[in-house]
Protein backbone atom coordinates (compact mmCIF):
# COMPACT_ATOMS: atom_id res chain seq x y z
CA MET A 1 -96.91 -13.26 -176.25
CA THR A 2 -93.89 -11.27 -174.91
CA THR A 3 -94.38 -8.10 -173.09
CA VAL A 4 -91.59 -5.62 -173.26
CA THR A 5 -91.23 -2.82 -170.57
CA THR A 6 -89.55 0.35 -171.21
CA ASN A 7 -87.88 2.55 -168.70
CA ARG A 8 -89.90 5.63 -168.75
CA ARG A 9 -87.61 7.62 -166.24
CA GLY A 10 -84.88 8.04 -168.72
CA TRP A 11 -81.23 8.50 -168.10
CA PHE A 12 -81.62 11.47 -165.69
CA GLY A 13 -84.17 9.57 -163.68
CA ASN A 14 -81.91 6.62 -163.22
CA LEU A 15 -79.05 8.99 -162.15
CA PHE A 16 -81.05 10.45 -159.55
CA SER A 17 -82.20 7.33 -158.21
CA VAL A 18 -78.68 6.00 -158.01
CA THR A 19 -77.49 9.15 -156.46
CA LYS A 20 -80.15 9.09 -153.78
CA SER A 21 -79.49 5.44 -153.00
CA LEU A 22 -75.68 6.17 -152.64
CA TRP A 23 -76.26 9.20 -150.56
CA ALA A 24 -78.44 7.09 -148.15
CA GLY A 25 -75.52 4.74 -147.55
CA LEU A 26 -72.89 7.51 -147.27
CA ARG A 27 -75.01 9.26 -144.65
CA VAL A 28 -74.74 6.36 -142.37
CA THR A 29 -70.94 6.03 -143.05
CA MET A 30 -70.27 9.77 -142.61
CA SER A 31 -72.11 9.78 -139.29
CA TYR A 32 -69.45 7.35 -137.90
CA PHE A 33 -66.66 10.03 -138.94
CA VAL A 34 -68.53 12.70 -136.95
CA LYS A 35 -69.43 10.54 -134.05
CA PRO A 36 -66.89 7.59 -133.66
CA GLY A 37 -68.01 6.64 -130.34
CA THR A 38 -71.09 5.06 -131.84
CA VAL A 39 -69.08 2.67 -133.93
CA ILE A 40 -70.32 -0.81 -133.05
CA THR A 41 -68.04 -2.89 -135.21
CA LEU A 42 -65.52 -4.99 -132.97
CA GLN A 43 -61.97 -5.50 -134.01
CA TYR A 44 -62.02 -9.16 -133.89
CA PRO A 45 -60.04 -11.11 -132.61
CA LEU A 46 -58.60 -8.25 -130.49
CA GLN A 47 -62.07 -7.41 -129.24
CA LYS A 48 -64.78 -9.91 -128.52
CA ASP A 49 -68.56 -9.34 -127.83
CA ASP A 50 -69.95 -10.47 -124.49
CA LEU A 51 -71.83 -13.83 -124.95
CA PRO A 52 -74.80 -14.83 -122.73
CA ASP A 53 -74.28 -17.54 -120.05
CA ARG A 54 -76.26 -20.13 -121.74
CA HIS A 55 -74.30 -19.73 -124.98
CA ARG A 56 -73.76 -23.12 -126.52
CA GLY A 57 -70.22 -22.95 -127.65
CA ILE A 58 -67.23 -25.47 -127.55
CA HIS A 59 -67.54 -27.89 -124.63
CA PHE A 60 -65.43 -27.94 -121.60
CA LEU A 61 -65.02 -30.85 -118.90
CA GLU A 62 -64.50 -31.01 -115.23
CA THR A 63 -62.36 -33.99 -115.34
CA GLU A 64 -62.23 -34.69 -111.54
CA LYS A 65 -65.95 -34.87 -111.28
CA CYS A 66 -66.53 -37.23 -114.15
CA ILE A 67 -67.65 -40.81 -113.15
CA MET A 68 -67.35 -42.19 -116.71
CA CYS A 69 -70.95 -43.27 -116.89
CA TRP A 70 -71.22 -42.74 -120.65
CA LYS A 71 -74.70 -41.05 -120.27
CA CYS A 72 -73.52 -37.95 -122.54
CA ALA A 73 -72.46 -40.24 -125.11
CA ARG A 74 -75.54 -42.22 -125.13
CA ALA A 75 -77.74 -39.19 -125.20
CA CYS A 76 -75.61 -37.69 -128.23
CA PRO A 77 -78.00 -37.82 -131.27
CA VAL A 78 -75.09 -37.77 -133.71
CA ASP A 79 -72.72 -40.08 -131.71
CA CYS A 80 -69.89 -37.52 -131.63
CA ILE A 81 -68.57 -38.28 -128.09
CA ASP A 82 -66.02 -41.22 -127.46
CA ILE A 83 -64.86 -41.96 -124.04
CA GLU A 84 -62.27 -44.55 -122.68
CA GLY A 85 -60.84 -45.35 -119.41
CA THR A 86 -60.91 -47.84 -116.50
CA ARG A 87 -62.14 -48.37 -113.04
CA ASP A 88 -59.66 -51.28 -112.40
CA GLY A 89 -56.35 -49.42 -111.65
CA GLU A 90 -54.00 -46.78 -112.65
CA VAL A 91 -52.63 -46.06 -116.19
CA ASP A 92 -49.76 -43.82 -116.66
CA GLY A 93 -50.71 -40.30 -118.01
CA ALA A 94 -54.31 -40.84 -117.72
CA PHE A 95 -56.58 -38.16 -116.16
CA GLN A 96 -58.17 -38.92 -112.70
CA GLY A 97 -61.97 -38.74 -112.45
CA LYS A 98 -64.39 -39.72 -109.79
CA GLY A 99 -63.26 -43.18 -108.99
CA VAL A 100 -62.10 -43.75 -112.64
CA VAL A 101 -59.10 -43.04 -114.66
CA MET A 102 -59.88 -41.60 -118.26
CA THR A 103 -57.53 -41.96 -121.32
CA ARG A 104 -59.99 -40.30 -123.95
CA PHE A 105 -62.75 -37.99 -123.90
CA THR A 106 -63.17 -36.54 -127.38
CA ILE A 107 -65.90 -34.81 -129.40
CA ASP A 108 -65.86 -34.68 -133.20
CA TYR A 109 -67.02 -31.03 -133.92
CA SER A 110 -67.50 -31.88 -137.67
CA ARG A 111 -70.65 -33.76 -136.44
CA CYS A 112 -71.68 -32.00 -133.26
CA ILE A 113 -74.87 -29.92 -133.48
CA PHE A 114 -74.54 -28.01 -130.25
CA CYS A 115 -77.85 -29.32 -129.02
CA ASN A 116 -76.85 -29.45 -125.29
CA LEU A 117 -78.28 -33.00 -124.87
CA CYS A 118 -75.12 -34.26 -123.65
CA CYS A 119 -75.03 -31.95 -120.69
CA GLU A 120 -78.57 -32.38 -119.37
CA PRO A 121 -78.31 -36.01 -118.30
CA CYS A 122 -74.96 -35.81 -116.66
CA PRO A 123 -75.41 -36.80 -113.06
CA GLU A 124 -72.22 -34.91 -111.86
CA GLU A 125 -72.84 -31.81 -114.06
CA CYS A 126 -69.23 -32.02 -115.16
CA ILE A 127 -69.71 -31.39 -118.96
CA HIS A 128 -70.60 -27.98 -120.02
CA MET A 129 -71.28 -25.79 -123.03
CA GLY A 130 -68.59 -22.99 -122.98
CA GLN A 131 -68.14 -19.67 -124.49
CA GLU A 132 -65.58 -20.49 -127.15
CA PHE A 133 -66.95 -20.43 -130.65
CA ASP A 134 -64.26 -19.79 -133.13
CA TYR A 135 -63.01 -23.44 -133.37
CA SER A 136 -61.76 -24.18 -136.92
CA ALA A 137 -59.21 -26.52 -138.60
CA TRP A 138 -57.83 -27.37 -142.12
CA ASP A 139 -59.30 -30.85 -142.19
CA ARG A 140 -61.80 -33.04 -140.60
CA GLU A 141 -59.23 -34.69 -138.27
CA GLY A 142 -58.53 -31.21 -136.72
CA THR A 143 -62.11 -30.90 -135.64
CA VAL A 144 -61.87 -33.68 -133.15
CA LYS A 145 -60.90 -32.17 -129.72
CA SER A 146 -59.64 -33.94 -126.68
CA LEU A 147 -61.61 -32.27 -123.56
CA LEU A 148 -59.08 -33.96 -121.33
CA HIS A 149 -56.02 -32.09 -122.86
CA ASN A 150 -58.17 -29.15 -124.03
CA GLN A 151 -56.48 -29.29 -127.44
CA VAL A 152 -56.95 -31.01 -130.98
CA PHE A 153 -56.82 -34.99 -130.63
CA ASP A 154 -53.65 -35.01 -132.88
CA ALA A 155 -51.35 -38.20 -133.82
CA GLY A 156 -49.50 -37.96 -130.56
CA LEU A 157 -52.55 -38.26 -128.36
CA LYS A 158 -54.09 -41.02 -130.78
CA ALA A 159 -50.81 -43.09 -130.34
CA LYS A 160 -51.02 -42.68 -126.41
CA MET A 161 -54.69 -43.69 -126.62
CA LEU A 162 -53.70 -46.81 -128.38
CA ALA A 163 -50.89 -47.59 -125.98
CA ASP A 164 -53.31 -47.07 -123.07
CA ARG A 165 -55.87 -49.66 -124.55
CA GLY A 166 -53.26 -52.48 -123.70
CA ASP A 167 -52.91 -51.14 -120.32
CA ILE A 168 -56.75 -50.88 -119.67
CA LYS A 169 -57.04 -54.65 -121.13
CA ARG A 170 -54.34 -55.76 -118.80
CA LEU A 171 -56.09 -54.18 -115.90
CA ALA A 172 -59.36 -55.64 -116.86
CA ASP A 173 -57.84 -59.24 -117.30
CA ASP A 174 -56.18 -58.99 -113.91
CA ALA A 175 -59.35 -57.77 -112.30
CA ALA A 176 -61.29 -60.57 -113.72
CA ALA A 177 -58.59 -63.12 -112.67
CA ALA A 178 -58.73 -61.61 -109.08
CA LYS A 179 -62.55 -61.83 -108.99
CA LYS A 180 -62.52 -65.39 -110.18
CA ALA A 181 -59.95 -66.39 -107.75
CA LYS A 182 -61.79 -64.56 -104.93
CA ALA A 183 -64.99 -66.43 -106.01
CA GLU A 184 -63.41 -69.79 -106.02
CA ALA A 185 -61.72 -69.21 -102.59
CA ALA A 186 -65.16 -68.16 -101.15
CA LYS A 187 -66.78 -71.33 -102.62
CA LYS A 188 -63.98 -73.53 -101.04
CA ALA A 189 -64.43 -71.75 -97.87
CA LYS A 190 -68.28 -72.31 -97.93
CA GLU A 191 -67.73 -76.00 -98.76
CA ALA A 192 -65.21 -76.56 -95.85
CA ALA A 193 -67.55 -74.63 -93.33
CA ALA A 194 -70.48 -76.86 -94.41
CA ALA A 195 -68.32 -80.04 -94.05
CA LYS A 196 -67.21 -78.85 -90.61
CA ALA A 197 -70.67 -78.19 -89.48
CA ALA A 198 -72.26 -81.41 -90.76
CA PRO A 199 -72.74 -83.92 -87.89
CA PRO A 200 -70.44 -87.06 -87.85
CA LYS A 201 -71.73 -90.34 -88.90
CA ALA A 202 -72.41 -92.86 -86.40
CA ASP A 203 -70.37 -96.10 -86.19
CA GLY A 204 -72.04 -99.02 -88.02
CA ALA A 205 -74.36 -96.67 -89.81
CA THR A 206 -75.56 -97.64 -93.18
CA SER A 207 -76.65 -95.47 -96.05
């Protein structure tokens, strides 16, 4: 069974109700004309509101303090942090950290959930949540930001990173070869010292 409700206020009742609602809104608007100093609207982006110190915005990195321990990347629940670098030598155009050189430190903001879990385990306290919040892009590739360069991780930076990977591999191979040669030299020196310290066999001695 369908129940039909009728408007008992009539045409004049509806007119009064609409006029009352309209006047309630216009009264707020007109008060700003009389007292413009009370306007709270900011003319963004020329004006920006003050954000709290613990605001979780776009990250920033104190590169010179980073030890490339990957704790921030391991703590990230969405796996949006990528770090590359080496401790085996210098790479042209790389960024100097604390005992390391870094060729990549990027965050994919299409996946980041701004949970702050990357900042808390950092032993050097070098990665922070910043005040910037208006980060946007035309496509997903533009949402990947390089904290080393403080800009979008564009095609030029990607090409540089790929070239640096070859240098990093070469340095790693050289370091491994040097370590192996050092170990072999130490082994030979130990064997020579042991042979020198062994007493000479007596003449006519039989084994």
